[in-house]
Amino acid sequence: MDLPPNPPPAPPPSIDIYNPPVNPETKPDDQPVPPVNSNNAPRGSPNQIASGFLNQFYNAVTGNSWWQVKSLFHQNFSYWNNCMTRNIGLDAAIRLLANSPRTNFQYNIYGAQYVKNHLKVDVAFYNWPGFNRISFYLVQNGNGQFAILGADMWCL
């Protein structure tokens, strides 16, 4: 008795390089945080620093100035994970903030703590289309201002 031929092997699954699969086990604090020289580590009360930075952030973003927004980022900026899917890079992150539609947006800091020589600031945004929650990793720039070294954007 003849056996039927083996079916052809299944093609390998395609991977969308622009939207790679997300590991559901990954938690926000598991995200890689780039190493920073301890001389650049934040100094002072986490909540005071976070409040000062978010005030600067609000003024820059609502000012519609590309250069003001760019000043929010550290010169060694490493990553901006957009909704846990991909790193959109510095230029795209600046465009996202400088060009995004917003009307009277508000924010609430619901966590600020030191993590690996960074200040991790968890922020909830309101009245800002497409934004919900962002975790910023801040360090000081050469001018003493706190700046974004990395960010995880959580779209819930």
N, C-alpha and C. Protein backbone atom coordinates (compact mmCIF):
# COMPACT_ATOMS: atom_id res chain seq x y z
N MET A 1 0.84 -1.16 0.00
CA MET A 1 0.00 0.00 0.00
C MET A 1 0.90 1.23 0.00
N ASP A 2 0.59 2.17 -0.91
CA ASP A 2 1.39 3.39 -1.01
C ASP A 2 0.91 4.42 0.02
N LEU A 3 1.89 5.06 0.66
CA LEU A 3 1.57 6.13 1.60
C LEU A 3 1.50 7.46 0.85
N PRO A 4 0.65 8.36 1.30
CA PRO A 4 0.60 9.67 0.63
C PRO A 4 1.92 10.41 0.89
N PRO A 5 2.32 11.25 -0.05
CA PRO A 5 3.58 11.98 0.14
C PRO A 5 3.47 12.93 1.34
N ASN A 6 4.63 13.19 1.93
CA ASN A 6 4.65 14.13 3.05
C ASN A 6 4.25 15.52 2.56
N PRO A 7 3.51 16.25 3.36
CA PRO A 7 3.16 17.62 2.95
C PRO A 7 4.41 18.49 2.95
N PRO A 8 4.42 19.51 2.10
CA PRO A 8 5.60 20.39 2.09
C PRO A 8 5.73 21.09 3.45
N PRO A 9 6.96 21.43 3.82
CA PRO A 9 7.13 22.11 5.11
C PRO A 9 6.45 23.49 5.08
N ALA A 10 5.97 23.88 6.23
CA ALA A 10 5.31 25.19 6.33
C ALA A 10 6.36 26.29 6.17
N PRO A 11 5.99 27.37 5.51
CA PRO A 11 6.96 28.47 5.37
C PRO A 11 7.24 29.08 6.74
N PRO A 12 8.43 29.64 6.91
CA PRO A 12 8.73 30.26 8.21
C PRO A 12 7.80 31.45 8.43
N PRO A 13 7.45 31.70 9.68
CA PRO A 13 6.57 32.85 9.92
C PRO A 13 7.26 34.15 9.55
N SER A 14 6.50 35.04 8.96
CA SER A 14 7.10 36.33 8.59
C SER A 14 7.13 37.22 9.82
N ILE A 15 8.17 38.03 9.92
CA ILE A 15 8.31 38.94 11.04
C ILE A 15 8.30 40.35 10.50
N ASP A 16 7.42 41.13 11.04
CA ASP A 16 7.33 42.54 10.65
C ASP A 16 8.44 43.28 11.39
N ILE A 17 9.47 43.70 10.66
CA ILE A 17 10.60 44.33 11.33
C ILE A 17 10.23 45.67 11.95
N TYR A 18 9.12 46.26 11.50
CA TYR A 18 8.72 47.53 12.07
C TYR A 18 7.85 47.35 13.30
N ASN A 19 7.29 46.19 13.48
CA ASN A 19 6.47 45.90 14.65
C ASN A 19 6.82 44.51 15.16
N PRO A 20 8.00 44.34 15.75
CA PRO A 20 8.39 43.02 16.21
C PRO A 20 7.48 42.54 17.32
N PRO A 21 7.40 41.21 17.50
CA PRO A 21 6.53 40.70 18.55
C PRO A 21 7.00 41.18 19.92
N VAL A 22 6.06 41.36 20.82
CA VAL A 22 6.38 41.82 22.17
C VAL A 22 6.28 40.64 23.12
N ASN A 23 7.27 40.49 23.96
CA ASN A 23 7.25 39.43 24.96
C ASN A 23 6.29 39.83 26.07
N PRO A 24 5.19 39.09 26.26
CA PRO A 24 4.22 39.49 27.29
C PRO A 24 4.80 39.42 28.70
N GLU A 25 5.91 38.69 28.86
CA GLU A 25 6.53 38.60 30.18
C GLU A 25 7.34 39.85 30.52
N THR A 26 7.60 40.68 29.53
CA THR A 26 8.44 41.85 29.76
C THR A 26 7.67 42.89 30.56
N LYS A 27 8.28 43.36 31.61
CA LYS A 27 7.68 44.41 32.42
C LYS A 27 8.45 45.70 32.14
N PRO A 28 7.84 46.86 32.43
CA PRO A 28 8.54 48.11 32.14
C PRO A 28 9.94 48.17 32.73
N ASP A 29 10.13 47.68 33.96
CA ASP A 29 11.44 47.77 34.59
C ASP A 29 12.44 46.79 34.01
N ASP A 30 11.98 45.85 33.17
CA ASP A 30 12.89 44.91 32.52
C ASP A 30 13.52 45.51 31.28
N GLN A 31 13.03 46.67 30.84
CA GLN A 31 13.57 47.27 29.64
C GLN A 31 15.03 47.63 29.87
N PRO A 32 15.87 47.46 28.87
CA PRO A 32 17.28 47.79 29.07
C PRO A 32 17.46 49.29 29.30
N VAL A 33 18.24 49.62 30.29
CA VAL A 33 18.55 51.01 30.56
C VAL A 33 20.02 51.23 30.25
N PRO A 34 20.33 52.13 29.35
CA PRO A 34 21.72 52.31 28.96
C PRO A 34 22.57 52.76 30.14
N PRO A 35 23.82 52.28 30.23
CA PRO A 35 24.68 52.71 31.33
C PRO A 35 25.04 54.18 31.21
N VAL A 36 25.16 54.83 32.32
CA VAL A 36 25.49 56.25 32.35
C VAL A 36 26.58 56.47 33.37
N ASN A 37 27.49 57.34 33.05
CA ASN A 37 28.53 57.71 33.99
C ASN A 37 27.87 58.25 35.26
N SER A 38 28.33 57.80 36.42
CA SER A 38 27.68 58.21 37.66
C SER A 38 27.77 59.71 37.88
N ASN A 39 28.69 60.39 37.20
CA ASN A 39 28.75 61.85 37.31
C ASN A 39 27.50 62.51 36.74
N ASN A 40 26.81 61.80 35.83
CA ASN A 40 25.61 62.34 35.22
C ASN A 40 24.34 61.92 35.94
N ALA A 41 24.49 61.14 37.00
CA ALA A 41 23.31 60.64 37.70
C ALA A 41 22.54 61.82 38.31
N PRO A 42 21.22 61.72 38.34
CA PRO A 42 20.43 62.81 38.92
C PRO A 42 20.77 63.02 40.40
N ARG A 43 20.66 64.25 40.84
CA ARG A 43 20.87 64.59 42.25
C ARG A 43 19.64 65.36 42.73
N GLY A 44 19.22 65.07 43.96
CA GLY A 44 18.09 65.80 44.52
C GLY A 44 16.87 64.92 44.69
N SER A 45 15.81 65.51 45.19
CA SER A 45 14.57 64.78 45.42
C SER A 45 13.96 64.33 44.10
N PRO A 46 13.61 63.04 43.99
CA PRO A 46 13.01 62.55 42.73
C PRO A 46 11.78 63.35 42.31
N ASN A 47 10.90 63.65 43.25
CA ASN A 47 9.67 64.36 42.89
C ASN A 47 9.94 65.80 42.47
N GLN A 48 10.89 66.46 43.12
CA GLN A 48 11.23 67.83 42.73
C GLN A 48 11.82 67.87 41.33
N ILE A 49 12.74 66.94 41.05
CA ILE A 49 13.36 66.89 39.73
C ILE A 49 12.31 66.57 38.67
N ALA A 50 11.46 65.58 38.97
CA ALA A 50 10.42 65.19 38.02
C ALA A 50 9.48 66.36 37.73
N SER A 51 9.08 67.09 38.77
CA SER A 51 8.17 68.23 38.57
C SER A 51 8.83 69.31 37.72
N GLY A 52 10.10 69.60 38.00
CA GLY A 52 10.81 70.61 37.21
C GLY A 52 10.94 70.20 35.76
N PHE A 53 11.27 68.92 35.53
CA PHE A 53 11.41 68.45 34.16
C PHE A 53 10.08 68.50 33.43
N LEU A 54 9.00 68.04 34.08
CA LEU A 54 7.70 68.02 33.40
C LEU A 54 7.20 69.43 33.11
N ASN A 55 7.55 70.39 33.94
CA ASN A 55 7.20 71.78 33.65
C ASN A 55 7.93 72.25 32.39
N GLN A 56 9.22 71.91 32.31
CA GLN A 56 10.02 72.24 31.12
C GLN A 56 9.45 71.51 29.89
N PHE A 57 9.08 70.25 30.06
CA PHE A 57 8.50 69.43 28.99
C PHE A 57 7.22 70.09 28.47
N TYR A 58 6.34 70.48 29.40
CA TYR A 58 5.07 71.09 29.02
C TYR A 58 5.31 72.38 28.22
N ASN A 59 6.21 73.22 28.72
CA ASN A 59 6.49 74.49 28.03
C ASN A 59 7.07 74.26 26.64
N ALA A 60 7.97 73.29 26.52
CA ALA A 60 8.59 73.02 25.21
C ALA A 60 7.58 72.46 24.22
N VAL A 61 6.78 71.50 24.67
CA VAL A 61 5.85 70.84 23.75
C VAL A 61 4.72 71.77 23.33
N THR A 62 4.21 72.56 24.26
CA THR A 62 3.12 73.47 23.89
C THR A 62 3.64 74.69 23.15
N GLY A 63 4.95 74.92 23.19
CA GLY A 63 5.53 76.04 22.47
C GLY A 63 5.72 75.79 20.99
N ASN A 64 5.49 74.55 20.54
CA ASN A 64 5.61 74.20 19.11
C ASN A 64 6.97 74.52 18.52
N SER A 65 8.01 74.47 19.32
CA SER A 65 9.35 74.76 18.83
C SER A 65 10.16 73.48 18.75
N TRP A 66 10.60 73.14 17.54
CA TRP A 66 11.44 71.95 17.33
C TRP A 66 12.67 72.00 18.23
N TRP A 67 13.31 73.18 18.31
CA TRP A 67 14.56 73.29 19.08
C TRP A 67 14.31 73.21 20.57
N GLN A 68 13.19 73.75 21.01
CA GLN A 68 12.83 73.64 22.43
C GLN A 68 12.60 72.18 22.79
N VAL A 69 11.90 71.46 21.92
CA VAL A 69 11.64 70.04 22.17
C VAL A 69 12.95 69.26 22.13
N LYS A 70 13.81 69.58 21.17
CA LYS A 70 15.08 68.86 21.07
C LYS A 70 15.91 69.03 22.34
N SER A 71 15.79 70.18 22.99
CA SER A 71 16.56 70.43 24.21
C SER A 71 16.14 69.51 25.36
N LEU A 72 15.00 68.83 25.21
CA LEU A 72 14.54 67.91 26.25
C LEU A 72 15.35 66.61 26.25
N PHE A 73 16.09 66.35 25.17
CA PHE A 73 16.76 65.06 25.01
C PHE A 73 18.25 65.16 25.34
N HIS A 74 18.76 64.14 26.00
CA HIS A 74 20.17 64.06 26.36
C HIS A 74 21.01 63.84 25.10
N GLN A 75 22.25 64.36 25.11
CA GLN A 75 23.10 64.21 23.92
C GLN A 75 23.43 62.74 23.64
N ASN A 76 23.33 61.87 24.65
CA ASN A 76 23.56 60.43 24.43
C ASN A 76 22.25 59.66 24.40
N PHE A 77 21.18 60.30 23.94
CA PHE A 77 19.87 59.66 23.87
C PHE A 77 19.99 58.26 23.26
N SER A 78 19.33 57.29 23.90
CA SER A 78 19.48 55.90 23.46
C SER A 78 18.24 55.32 22.80
N TYR A 79 17.07 55.52 23.38
CA TYR A 79 15.90 54.86 22.81
C TYR A 79 14.61 55.53 23.24
N TRP A 80 13.59 55.35 22.40
CA TRP A 80 12.21 55.73 22.73
C TRP A 80 11.35 54.58 22.21
N ASN A 81 10.91 53.73 23.12
CA ASN A 81 10.07 52.61 22.73
C ASN A 81 8.64 53.11 22.59
N ASN A 82 8.12 53.06 21.37
CA ASN A 82 6.79 53.57 21.08
C ASN A 82 5.77 52.47 21.30
N CYS A 83 5.01 52.58 22.36
CA CYS A 83 3.96 51.60 22.70
C CYS A 83 4.51 50.18 22.76
N MET A 84 5.69 50.01 23.25
CA MET A 84 6.33 48.71 23.46
C MET A 84 6.58 47.95 22.17
N THR A 85 6.54 48.59 21.02
CA THR A 85 6.73 47.82 19.80
C THR A 85 8.07 48.06 19.14
N ARG A 86 8.58 49.27 19.19
CA ARG A 86 9.83 49.52 18.46
C ARG A 86 10.48 50.80 18.95
N ASN A 87 11.75 50.91 18.65
CA ASN A 87 12.50 52.12 18.98
C ASN A 87 12.34 53.07 17.81
N ILE A 88 11.71 54.22 18.05
CA ILE A 88 11.45 55.12 16.93
C ILE A 88 12.61 56.08 16.67
N GLY A 89 13.60 56.14 17.57
CA GLY A 89 14.76 56.97 17.32
C GLY A 89 14.55 58.43 17.69
N LEU A 90 15.65 59.16 17.77
CA LEU A 90 15.62 60.53 18.26
C LEU A 90 14.81 61.47 17.37
N ASP A 91 15.07 61.47 16.07
CA ASP A 91 14.35 62.40 15.18
C ASP A 91 12.85 62.16 15.22
N ALA A 92 12.46 60.87 15.19
CA ALA A 92 11.03 60.55 15.21
C ALA A 92 10.41 60.94 16.55
N ALA A 93 11.15 60.75 17.64
CA ALA A 93 10.62 61.12 18.96
C ALA A 93 10.42 62.63 19.04
N ILE A 94 11.37 63.39 18.51
CA ILE A 94 11.24 64.86 18.51
C ILE A 94 10.04 65.28 17.66
N ARG A 95 9.91 64.66 16.48
CA ARG A 95 8.76 64.99 15.61
C ARG A 95 7.45 64.65 16.31
N LEU A 96 7.43 63.49 16.99
CA LEU A 96 6.22 63.05 17.69
C LEU A 96 5.77 64.11 18.69
N LEU A 97 6.71 64.67 19.42
CA LEU A 97 6.36 65.66 20.43
C LEU A 97 6.11 67.04 19.82
N ALA A 98 6.94 67.42 18.86
CA ALA A 98 6.83 68.78 18.31
C ALA A 98 5.63 68.95 17.41
N ASN A 99 5.19 67.88 16.75
CA ASN A 99 4.12 68.00 15.75
C ASN A 99 2.80 67.38 16.18
N SER A 100 2.74 66.79 17.37
CA SER A 100 1.52 66.07 17.73
C SER A 100 0.40 67.06 18.09
N PRO A 101 -0.84 66.68 17.74
CA PRO A 101 -1.96 67.57 18.07
C PRO A 101 -2.21 67.56 19.57
N ARG A 102 -2.42 68.71 20.14
CA ARG A 102 -2.70 68.75 21.57
C ARG A 102 -3.54 69.98 21.88
N THR A 103 -4.42 69.83 22.81
CA THR A 103 -5.23 70.95 23.25
C THR A 103 -5.30 70.87 24.77
N ASN A 104 -4.65 71.81 25.42
CA ASN A 104 -4.75 71.91 26.87
C ASN A 104 -4.44 70.58 27.56
N PHE A 105 -3.36 69.91 27.15
CA PHE A 105 -3.08 68.62 27.77
C PHE A 105 -2.61 68.81 29.20
N GLN A 106 -2.85 67.80 30.00
CA GLN A 106 -2.44 67.81 31.40
C GLN A 106 -1.65 66.54 31.67
N TYR A 107 -0.91 66.56 32.76
CA TYR A 107 -0.14 65.37 33.12
C TYR A 107 -0.16 65.19 34.63
N ASN A 108 0.11 63.97 35.04
CA ASN A 108 0.19 63.64 36.44
C ASN A 108 1.38 62.70 36.64
N ILE A 109 2.29 63.09 37.51
CA ILE A 109 3.42 62.22 37.84
C ILE A 109 2.94 61.21 38.87
N TYR A 110 3.03 59.93 38.55
CA TYR A 110 2.59 58.95 39.54
C TYR A 110 3.73 58.07 40.01
N GLY A 111 4.94 58.44 39.70
CA GLY A 111 6.09 57.71 40.23
C GLY A 111 7.38 58.38 39.79
N ALA A 112 8.30 58.53 40.73
CA ALA A 112 9.62 59.06 40.41
C ALA A 112 10.60 58.36 41.34
N GLN A 113 11.53 57.62 40.76
CA GLN A 113 12.49 56.87 41.58
C GLN A 113 13.80 56.70 40.84
N TYR A 114 14.86 56.55 41.60
CA TYR A 114 16.17 56.31 41.01
C TYR A 114 16.29 54.85 40.59
N VAL A 115 16.73 54.63 39.36
CA VAL A 115 16.95 53.29 38.83
C VAL A 115 18.26 53.32 38.06
N LYS A 116 19.27 52.60 38.53
CA LYS A 116 20.54 52.48 37.80
C LYS A 116 21.10 53.83 37.35
N ASN A 117 21.31 54.74 38.25
CA ASN A 117 21.88 56.06 37.96
C ASN A 117 20.98 56.95 37.10
N HIS A 118 19.73 56.58 36.95
CA HIS A 118 18.78 57.40 36.21
C HIS A 118 17.66 57.77 37.16
N LEU A 119 16.93 58.79 36.79
CA LEU A 119 15.68 59.06 37.47
C LEU A 119 14.58 58.58 36.54
N LYS A 120 13.84 57.57 36.98
CA LYS A 120 12.72 57.06 36.19
C LYS A 120 11.47 57.81 36.63
N VAL A 121 10.82 58.47 35.67
CA VAL A 121 9.63 59.25 35.96
C VAL A 121 8.47 58.66 35.17
N ASP A 122 7.45 58.19 35.88
CA ASP A 122 6.25 57.65 35.24
C ASP A 122 5.20 58.74 35.22
N VAL A 123 4.69 59.01 34.01
CA VAL A 123 3.77 60.13 33.82
C VAL A 123 2.52 59.66 33.10
N ALA A 124 1.37 60.12 33.56
CA ALA A 124 0.11 59.89 32.85
C ALA A 124 -0.28 61.21 32.19
N PHE A 125 -0.68 61.12 30.92
CA PHE A 125 -1.11 62.31 30.18
C PHE A 125 -2.62 62.26 29.95
N TYR A 126 -3.24 63.43 29.96
CA TYR A 126 -4.68 63.55 29.73
C TYR A 126 -4.92 64.60 28.65
N ASN A 127 -5.95 64.42 27.89
CA ASN A 127 -6.33 65.37 26.82
C ASN A 127 -5.25 65.51 25.75
N TRP A 128 -4.47 64.47 25.55
CA TRP A 128 -3.44 64.52 24.51
C TRP A 128 -3.66 63.31 23.62
N PRO A 129 -4.24 63.50 22.43
CA PRO A 129 -4.56 62.36 21.56
C PRO A 129 -3.34 61.48 21.30
N GLY A 130 -3.50 60.20 21.54
CA GLY A 130 -2.44 59.24 21.26
C GLY A 130 -1.46 59.04 22.40
N PHE A 131 -1.53 59.87 23.42
CA PHE A 131 -0.63 59.70 24.55
C PHE A 131 -1.43 59.21 25.75
N ASN A 132 -0.81 58.34 26.53
CA ASN A 132 -1.45 57.90 27.75
C ASN A 132 -0.44 57.89 28.88
N ARG A 133 0.57 57.03 28.76
CA ARG A 133 1.55 56.90 29.83
C ARG A 133 2.95 56.80 29.23
N ILE A 134 3.90 57.50 29.83
CA ILE A 134 5.29 57.42 29.40
C ILE A 134 6.16 57.26 30.63
N SER A 135 7.16 56.40 30.52
CA SER A 135 8.21 56.32 31.53
C SER A 135 9.45 56.97 30.92
N PHE A 136 9.88 58.08 31.52
CA PHE A 136 11.10 58.76 31.08
C PHE A 136 12.27 58.31 31.95
N TYR A 137 13.43 58.15 31.32
CA TYR A 137 14.67 57.93 32.07
C TYR A 137 15.51 59.19 31.90
N LEU A 138 15.73 59.90 32.99
CA LEU A 138 16.37 61.21 32.94
C LEU A 138 17.78 61.18 33.53
N VAL A 139 18.66 61.94 32.92
CA VAL A 139 19.98 62.24 33.48
C VAL A 139 20.26 63.71 33.18
N GLN A 140 21.32 64.25 33.77
CA GLN A 140 21.65 65.64 33.54
C GLN A 140 22.46 65.81 32.28
N ASN A 141 22.12 66.82 31.49
CA ASN A 141 22.90 67.21 30.33
C ASN A 141 24.09 68.04 30.81
N GLY A 142 24.98 68.38 29.90
CA GLY A 142 26.14 69.18 30.24
C GLY A 142 25.79 70.52 30.84
N ASN A 143 24.59 71.04 30.51
CA ASN A 143 24.18 72.35 31.02
C ASN A 143 23.49 72.26 32.38
N GLY A 144 23.46 71.06 32.96
CA GLY A 144 22.84 70.88 34.27
C GLY A 144 21.36 70.61 34.22
N GLN A 145 20.74 70.75 33.05
CA GLN A 145 19.31 70.47 32.90
C GLN A 145 19.09 68.96 32.80
N PHE A 146 17.96 68.51 33.30
CA PHE A 146 17.64 67.09 33.16
C PHE A 146 17.07 66.85 31.77
N ALA A 147 17.44 65.72 31.20
CA ALA A 147 17.07 65.43 29.82
C ALA A 147 16.74 63.96 29.67
N ILE A 148 16.02 63.65 28.60
CA ILE A 148 15.55 62.29 28.34
C ILE A 148 16.69 61.48 27.73
N LEU A 149 17.08 60.42 28.42
CA LEU A 149 18.06 59.49 27.86
C LEU A 149 17.33 58.34 27.17
N GLY A 150 16.20 57.94 27.72
CA GLY A 150 15.39 56.88 27.13
C GLY A 150 13.95 57.06 27.58
N ALA A 151 13.04 56.41 26.87
CA ALA A 151 11.63 56.52 27.23
C ALA A 151 10.87 55.29 26.75
N ASP A 152 9.94 54.86 27.57
CA ASP A 152 9.02 53.78 27.21
C ASP A 152 7.63 54.39 27.17
N MET A 153 6.99 54.30 26.01
CA MET A 153 5.67 54.88 25.83
C MET A 153 4.65 53.76 25.85
N TRP A 154 3.73 53.81 26.79
CA TRP A 154 2.74 52.76 26.95
C TRP A 154 1.39 53.29 26.49
N CYS A 155 0.87 52.77 25.40
CA CYS A 155 -0.43 53.19 24.89
C CYS A 155 -1.46 52.20 25.39
N LEU A 156 -2.26 52.60 26.32
CA LEU A 156 -3.22 51.69 26.95
C LEU A 156 -4.61 51.89 26.39
